[in-house]
């Protein structure tokens, strides 16, 4: 198996598993899940880049950045007592 295919084959299932539960990941501050998502997305971006496909690499990189901002902005803070 070619390295780009391996990266894509591993990255997409990991990233998709987290995306299906992304709202709770953000709300509950599940940073380990976010780290897994980022690892998967980084593998996806690298896979597309190694294949010489800049458009899918850029689209996936933009989601990686967007999900990071969403996580930082969307976390719930504990209620003041």
Protein backbone atom coordinates (compact mmCIF):
# COMPACT_ATOMS: atom_id res chain seq x y z
CA UNK A 1 0.00 0.00 0.00
CA UNK A 2 1.31 3.45 -0.93
CA UNK A 3 2.02 5.89 1.95
CA UNK A 4 -0.64 8.41 0.82
CA UNK A 5 -3.27 5.67 0.70
CA UNK A 6 -2.22 4.44 4.12
CA UNK A 7 -2.47 7.95 5.58
CA UNK A 8 -5.91 8.46 4.06
CA UNK A 9 -7.05 4.99 5.05
CA UNK A 10 -6.11 5.58 8.67
CA UNK A 11 -6.96 9.26 8.90
CA UNK A 12 -10.53 9.24 7.62
CA UNK A 13 -11.95 6.62 10.05
CA UNK A 14 -10.35 8.31 13.06
CA UNK A 15 -11.47 11.80 12.06
CA UNK A 16 -14.96 10.64 11.09
CA UNK A 17 -15.46 8.83 14.39
CA UNK A 18 -14.79 12.06 16.27
CA UNK A 19 -16.80 14.28 13.90
CA UNK A 20 -19.93 12.22 14.54
CA UNK A 21 -19.67 13.26 18.21
CA UNK A 22 -18.05 16.66 17.73
CA UNK A 23 -20.63 18.77 19.60
CA UNK A 24 -20.19 16.79 22.85
CA UNK A 25 -16.42 16.83 22.29
CA UNK A 26 -16.54 20.62 22.24
CA UNK A 27 -19.09 21.11 25.03
CA UNK A 28 -17.38 18.71 27.41
CA UNK A 29 -13.85 19.76 26.53
CA UNK A 30 -12.73 16.26 25.49
CA UNK A 31 -9.22 17.26 24.50
CA UNK A 32 -8.06 13.67 23.92
CA UNK A 33 -10.81 13.20 21.35
CA UNK A 34 -9.80 16.49 19.75
CA UNK A 35 -6.18 15.31 19.67
CA UNK A 36 -7.27 12.09 17.92
CA UNK A 37 -9.31 14.14 15.46
CA UNK A 38 -6.34 16.40 14.75
CA UNK A 39 -4.05 13.42 14.24
CA UNK A 40 -6.53 11.93 11.78
CA UNK A 41 -6.97 15.21 9.95
CA UNK A 42 -3.21 15.78 9.77
CA UNK A 43 -2.84 12.33 8.21
CA UNK A 44 -5.59 13.16 5.70
CA UNK A 45 -3.98 16.46 4.73
CA UNK A 46 -0.58 14.80 4.39
CA UNK A 47 -2.06 11.98 2.32
CA UNK A 48 -3.67 14.35 -0.16
CA UNK A 49 -0.56 16.54 -0.31
CA UNK A 50 1.65 13.51 -1.01
CA UNK A 51 -0.70 12.51 -3.82
CA UNK A 52 -0.21 15.96 -5.34
CA UNK A 53 -3.84 16.94 -4.78
CA UNK A 54 -3.82 20.51 -3.39
CA UNK A 55 -7.59 21.12 -3.37
CA UNK A 56 -8.61 18.23 -1.07
CA UNK A 57 -5.55 18.94 1.08
CA UNK A 58 -6.59 22.59 1.46
CA UNK A 59 -10.23 21.72 2.16
CA UNK A 60 -9.29 19.27 4.88
CA UNK A 61 -6.72 21.68 6.33
CA UNK A 62 -9.41 24.36 6.51
CA UNK A 63 -11.65 21.99 8.48
CA UNK A 64 -8.73 21.23 10.79
CA UNK A 65 -8.34 24.95 11.51
CA UNK A 66 -12.11 25.49 11.83
CA UNK A 67 -12.54 22.60 14.24
CA UNK A 68 -9.72 23.99 16.40
CA UNK A 69 -11.37 27.40 16.60
CA UNK A 70 -14.78 25.80 17.26
CA UNK A 71 -13.28 23.80 20.14
CA UNK A 72 -11.61 26.85 21.69
CA UNK A 73 -14.64 29.12 21.37
CA UNK A 74 -17.35 26.57 22.08
CA UNK A 75 -16.20 25.06 25.34
CA UNK A 76 -18.59 25.53 28.22
CA UNK A 77 -17.23 27.24 31.22
CA UNK A 78 -18.28 26.12 34.68
CA UNK A 79 -21.25 28.03 36.06
CA UNK A 80 -20.36 30.71 38.59
CA UNK A 81 -21.58 29.93 42.09
